[in-house]
Amino acid sequence: MVGAGFRARRGELDLVCRRGSELVVVEVKTRSDASFGTPAEAVGPRKRRALMAAAAEYRALAHWRGPIRFAIVALTVAREGAFEAELIEDPFA
């Protein structure tokens, strides 16, 4: 992991990781139940635009020249406080 909680003017990056020669921006979403949709469904067009803008700002500040990918970690609270996790790579492709 390169960093966490990067605050930009138009959004926040939960996690910034490195995978080989790529930077991976990870959005972490948690839901206690599906009443308001799944965690992944919470990353809609507005959030996507905010992530892209924040990643562009991070790129400029970090002088990153390589590719940037995106991922979502969707967490759902299961029984007894445990979590069910799903990794969604390249959710905007």
N, C-alpha and C. Protein backbone atom coordinates (compact mmCIF):
# COMPACT_ATOMS: atom_id res chain seq x y z
N MET A 1 0.85 -1.17 0.00
CA MET A 1 0.00 0.00 0.00
C MET A 1 0.89 1.23 0.00
N VAL A 2 0.51 2.21 -0.80
CA VAL A 2 1.25 3.45 -0.91
C VAL A 2 0.71 4.48 0.07
N GLY A 3 -0.63 4.53 0.22
CA GLY A 3 -1.23 5.52 1.11
C GLY A 3 -2.69 5.22 1.36
N ALA A 4 -3.24 5.96 2.32
CA ALA A 4 -4.65 5.82 2.66
C ALA A 4 -5.22 7.18 3.05
N GLY A 5 -6.48 7.39 2.72
CA GLY A 5 -7.16 8.61 3.13
C GLY A 5 -6.65 9.87 2.46
N PHE A 6 -6.27 9.79 1.19
CA PHE A 6 -5.81 10.98 0.46
C PHE A 6 -7.01 11.86 0.17
N ARG A 7 -6.97 13.09 0.67
CA ARG A 7 -8.07 14.04 0.43
C ARG A 7 -7.68 15.01 -0.67
N ALA A 8 -8.50 15.03 -1.69
CA ALA A 8 -8.31 15.94 -2.81
C ALA A 8 -9.41 16.99 -2.77
N ARG A 9 -9.34 17.96 -3.65
CA ARG A 9 -10.37 19.01 -3.68
C ARG A 9 -11.75 18.45 -4.01
N ARG A 10 -11.80 17.44 -4.86
CA ARG A 10 -13.10 16.94 -5.32
C ARG A 10 -13.37 15.50 -4.92
N GLY A 11 -12.72 15.00 -3.89
CA GLY A 11 -12.99 13.63 -3.47
C GLY A 11 -11.91 13.11 -2.55
N GLU A 12 -12.05 11.89 -2.17
CA GLU A 12 -11.08 11.24 -1.29
C GLU A 12 -10.78 9.85 -1.83
N LEU A 13 -9.51 9.46 -1.72
CA LEU A 13 -9.10 8.12 -2.12
C LEU A 13 -8.91 7.30 -0.85
N ASP A 14 -9.68 6.23 -0.72
CA ASP A 14 -9.58 5.40 0.49
C ASP A 14 -8.22 4.74 0.60
N LEU A 15 -7.81 4.05 -0.47
CA LEU A 15 -6.52 3.37 -0.50
C LEU A 15 -5.84 3.62 -1.84
N VAL A 16 -4.54 3.82 -1.79
CA VAL A 16 -3.74 3.91 -3.00
C VAL A 16 -2.68 2.82 -2.87
N CYS A 17 -2.72 1.87 -3.80
CA CYS A 17 -1.82 0.71 -3.74
C CYS A 17 -0.99 0.65 -5.02
N ARG A 18 0.04 -0.15 -4.95
CA ARG A 18 0.88 -0.37 -6.13
C ARG A 18 0.85 -1.84 -6.47
N ARG A 19 0.61 -2.13 -7.72
CA ARG A 19 0.63 -3.51 -8.22
C ARG A 19 1.51 -3.52 -9.46
N GLY A 20 2.74 -3.96 -9.26
CA GLY A 20 3.71 -3.93 -10.36
C GLY A 20 3.98 -2.50 -10.76
N SER A 21 3.78 -2.20 -12.03
CA SER A 21 4.03 -0.85 -12.54
C SER A 21 2.77 0.01 -12.55
N GLU A 22 1.70 -0.48 -11.93
CA GLU A 22 0.43 0.26 -11.92
C GLU A 22 0.10 0.77 -10.52
N LEU A 23 -0.59 1.88 -10.50
CA LEU A 23 -1.15 2.40 -9.26
C LEU A 23 -2.61 1.95 -9.24
N VAL A 24 -3.08 1.45 -8.11
CA VAL A 24 -4.46 1.00 -8.01
C VAL A 24 -5.16 1.83 -6.93
N VAL A 25 -6.20 2.53 -7.33
CA VAL A 25 -7.01 3.32 -6.41
C VAL A 25 -8.16 2.43 -5.97
N VAL A 26 -8.28 2.22 -4.65
CA VAL A 26 -9.28 1.30 -4.12
C VAL A 26 -10.32 2.07 -3.32
N GLU A 27 -11.56 1.93 -3.71
CA GLU A 27 -12.69 2.51 -2.97
C GLU A 27 -13.25 1.41 -2.08
N VAL A 28 -13.38 1.70 -0.79
CA VAL A 28 -13.90 0.72 0.16
C VAL A 28 -15.31 1.16 0.55
N LYS A 29 -16.28 0.28 0.34
CA LYS A 29 -17.67 0.57 0.69
C LYS A 29 -18.19 -0.52 1.61
N THR A 30 -18.88 -0.10 2.66
CA THR A 30 -19.42 -1.05 3.64
C THR A 30 -20.92 -0.83 3.78
N ARG A 31 -21.66 -1.90 3.89
CA ARG A 31 -23.10 -1.85 4.14
C ARG A 31 -23.44 -2.89 5.19
N SER A 32 -24.40 -2.56 6.05
CA SER A 32 -24.82 -3.52 7.07
C SER A 32 -25.91 -4.45 6.54
N ASP A 33 -26.61 -4.01 5.50
CA ASP A 33 -27.60 -4.87 4.84
C ASP A 33 -27.87 -4.29 3.46
N ALA A 34 -28.74 -4.93 2.71
CA ALA A 34 -28.99 -4.52 1.34
C ALA A 34 -30.18 -3.57 1.19
N SER A 35 -30.64 -2.98 2.29
CA SER A 35 -31.79 -2.07 2.23
C SER A 35 -31.60 -0.94 1.23
N PHE A 36 -30.39 -0.43 1.15
CA PHE A 36 -30.10 0.68 0.25
C PHE A 36 -29.19 0.24 -0.90
N GLY A 37 -29.19 -1.04 -1.21
CA GLY A 37 -28.36 -1.58 -2.28
C GLY A 37 -27.08 -2.17 -1.75
N THR A 38 -26.36 -2.78 -2.65
CA THR A 38 -25.10 -3.41 -2.28
C THR A 38 -24.02 -2.34 -2.13
N PRO A 39 -22.91 -2.67 -1.49
CA PRO A 39 -21.83 -1.69 -1.39
C PRO A 39 -21.33 -1.23 -2.77
N ALA A 40 -21.22 -2.16 -3.70
CA ALA A 40 -20.73 -1.79 -5.04
C ALA A 40 -21.70 -0.85 -5.76
N GLU A 41 -23.00 -1.01 -5.52
CA GLU A 41 -23.99 -0.14 -6.15
C GLU A 41 -23.89 1.30 -5.65
N ALA A 42 -23.25 1.50 -4.50
CA ALA A 42 -23.08 2.84 -3.95
C ALA A 42 -22.03 3.64 -4.71
N VAL A 43 -21.27 2.98 -5.56
CA VAL A 43 -20.27 3.66 -6.36
C VAL A 43 -20.88 3.92 -7.74
N GLY A 44 -21.67 4.98 -7.80
CA GLY A 44 -22.36 5.35 -9.03
C GLY A 44 -21.57 6.35 -9.85
N PRO A 45 -22.21 6.95 -10.83
CA PRO A 45 -21.53 7.89 -11.73
C PRO A 45 -20.92 9.09 -11.00
N ARG A 46 -21.62 9.63 -10.02
CA ARG A 46 -21.10 10.78 -9.28
C ARG A 46 -19.82 10.42 -8.51
N LYS A 47 -19.85 9.28 -7.83
CA LYS A 47 -18.68 8.82 -7.07
C LYS A 47 -17.54 8.50 -8.03
N ARG A 48 -17.87 7.92 -9.16
CA ARG A 48 -16.86 7.59 -10.16
C ARG A 48 -16.14 8.86 -10.62
N ARG A 49 -16.90 9.92 -10.91
CA ARG A 49 -16.28 11.18 -11.33
C ARG A 49 -15.38 11.74 -10.23
N ALA A 50 -15.84 11.66 -8.97
CA ALA A 50 -15.04 12.15 -7.85
C ALA A 50 -13.75 11.36 -7.71
N LEU A 51 -13.82 10.04 -7.88
CA LEU A 51 -12.63 9.20 -7.80
C LEU A 51 -11.64 9.54 -8.91
N MET A 52 -12.16 9.72 -10.11
CA MET A 52 -11.30 10.05 -11.25
C MET A 52 -10.60 11.40 -11.03
N ALA A 53 -11.35 12.38 -10.52
CA ALA A 53 -10.77 13.70 -10.27
C ALA A 53 -9.71 13.63 -9.17
N ALA A 54 -10.01 12.90 -8.10
CA ALA A 54 -9.05 12.76 -6.99
C ALA A 54 -7.80 12.01 -7.46
N ALA A 55 -7.98 10.99 -8.29
CA ALA A 55 -6.84 10.24 -8.82
C ALA A 55 -5.97 11.13 -9.72
N ALA A 56 -6.60 11.99 -10.50
CA ALA A 56 -5.85 12.91 -11.35
C ALA A 56 -5.03 13.88 -10.49
N GLU A 57 -5.63 14.36 -9.41
CA GLU A 57 -4.90 15.25 -8.50
C GLU A 57 -3.75 14.51 -7.82
N TYR A 58 -4.01 13.27 -7.39
CA TYR A 58 -2.95 12.45 -6.79
C TYR A 58 -1.80 12.25 -7.78
N ARG A 59 -2.16 11.95 -9.03
CA ARG A 59 -1.15 11.74 -10.08
C ARG A 59 -0.24 12.96 -10.20
N ALA A 60 -0.84 14.14 -10.22
CA ALA A 60 -0.05 15.37 -10.36
C ALA A 60 0.84 15.61 -9.14
N LEU A 61 0.29 15.45 -7.96
CA LEU A 61 1.07 15.71 -6.74
C LEU A 61 2.18 14.68 -6.51
N ALA A 62 1.92 13.44 -6.88
CA ALA A 62 2.90 12.37 -6.69
C ALA A 62 3.85 12.23 -7.88
N HIS A 63 3.60 13.02 -8.95
CA HIS A 63 4.40 12.94 -10.18
C HIS A 63 4.38 11.51 -10.75
N TRP A 64 3.21 10.88 -10.66
CA TRP A 64 3.05 9.51 -11.17
C TRP A 64 2.86 9.55 -12.68
N ARG A 65 3.64 8.79 -13.40
CA ARG A 65 3.56 8.77 -14.86
C ARG A 65 2.97 7.47 -15.40
N GLY A 66 2.84 6.46 -14.56
CA GLY A 66 2.34 5.17 -15.01
C GLY A 66 0.83 5.10 -15.04
N PRO A 67 0.31 3.94 -15.40
CA PRO A 67 -1.15 3.76 -15.47
C PRO A 67 -1.79 3.72 -14.07
N ILE A 68 -3.04 4.13 -14.03
CA ILE A 68 -3.83 4.06 -12.80
C ILE A 68 -5.05 3.20 -13.08
N ARG A 69 -5.27 2.22 -12.21
CA ARG A 69 -6.46 1.37 -12.29
C ARG A 69 -7.32 1.63 -11.06
N PHE A 70 -8.54 1.15 -11.12
CA PHE A 70 -9.47 1.32 -10.00
C PHE A 70 -9.98 -0.04 -9.55
N ALA A 71 -10.35 -0.12 -8.28
CA ALA A 71 -10.94 -1.33 -7.72
C ALA A 71 -11.89 -0.91 -6.60
N ILE A 72 -12.83 -1.79 -6.31
CA ILE A 72 -13.77 -1.57 -5.19
C ILE A 72 -13.66 -2.77 -4.27
N VAL A 73 -13.55 -2.51 -2.98
CA VAL A 73 -13.68 -3.56 -1.98
C VAL A 73 -15.04 -3.35 -1.36
N ALA A 74 -15.94 -4.29 -1.60
CA ALA A 74 -17.32 -4.23 -1.10
C ALA A 74 -17.43 -5.10 0.14
N LEU A 75 -17.72 -4.46 1.28
CA LEU A 75 -17.84 -5.18 2.55
C LEU A 75 -19.29 -5.18 3.00
N THR A 76 -19.78 -6.34 3.39
CA THR A 76 -21.13 -6.48 3.94
C THR A 76 -21.00 -7.12 5.31
N VAL A 77 -21.65 -6.52 6.29
CA VAL A 77 -21.59 -7.06 7.65
C VAL A 77 -22.38 -8.37 7.68
N ALA A 78 -21.72 -9.42 8.12
CA ALA A 78 -22.35 -10.74 8.23
C ALA A 78 -22.69 -11.00 9.69
N ARG A 79 -23.03 -12.24 9.98
CA ARG A 79 -23.37 -12.61 11.35
C ARG A 79 -22.23 -12.34 12.32
N GLU A 80 -22.59 -12.00 13.52
CA GLU A 80 -21.66 -11.82 14.63
C GLU A 80 -20.58 -10.79 14.34
N GLY A 81 -20.87 -9.80 13.48
CA GLY A 81 -19.94 -8.73 13.22
C GLY A 81 -18.84 -9.04 12.23
N ALA A 82 -18.82 -10.24 11.68
CA ALA A 82 -17.83 -10.56 10.66
C ALA A 82 -18.21 -9.85 9.35
N PHE A 83 -17.30 -9.84 8.41
CA PHE A 83 -17.56 -9.21 7.13
C PHE A 83 -17.47 -10.21 5.99
N GLU A 84 -18.30 -10.00 4.99
CA GLU A 84 -18.14 -10.69 3.72
C GLU A 84 -17.53 -9.66 2.78
N ALA A 85 -16.45 -10.04 2.11
CA ALA A 85 -15.73 -9.10 1.27
C ALA A 85 -15.74 -9.57 -0.19
N GLU A 86 -15.83 -8.60 -1.07
CA GLU A 86 -15.76 -8.87 -2.50
C GLU A 86 -14.83 -7.83 -3.13
N LEU A 87 -13.88 -8.28 -3.91
CA LEU A 87 -12.97 -7.40 -4.64
C LEU A 87 -13.46 -7.30 -6.07
N ILE A 88 -13.71 -6.08 -6.52
CA ILE A 88 -14.15 -5.84 -7.89
C ILE A 88 -13.05 -5.04 -8.58
N GLU A 89 -12.34 -5.70 -9.46
CA GLU A 89 -11.25 -5.03 -10.17
C GLU A 89 -11.78 -4.40 -11.46
N ASP A 90 -11.27 -3.24 -11.78
CA ASP A 90 -11.66 -2.49 -12.97
C ASP A 90 -13.18 -2.34 -13.09
N PRO A 91 -13.84 -1.76 -12.07
CA PRO A 91 -15.30 -1.67 -12.09
C PRO A 91 -15.85 -0.69 -13.13
N PHE A 92 -15.01 0.18 -13.66
CA PHE A 92 -15.49 1.18 -14.61
C PHE A 92 -15.15 0.82 -16.05
N ALA A 93 -14.60 -0.36 -16.26
CA ALA A 93 -14.19 -0.75 -17.63
C ALA A 93 -15.37 -1.22 -18.44
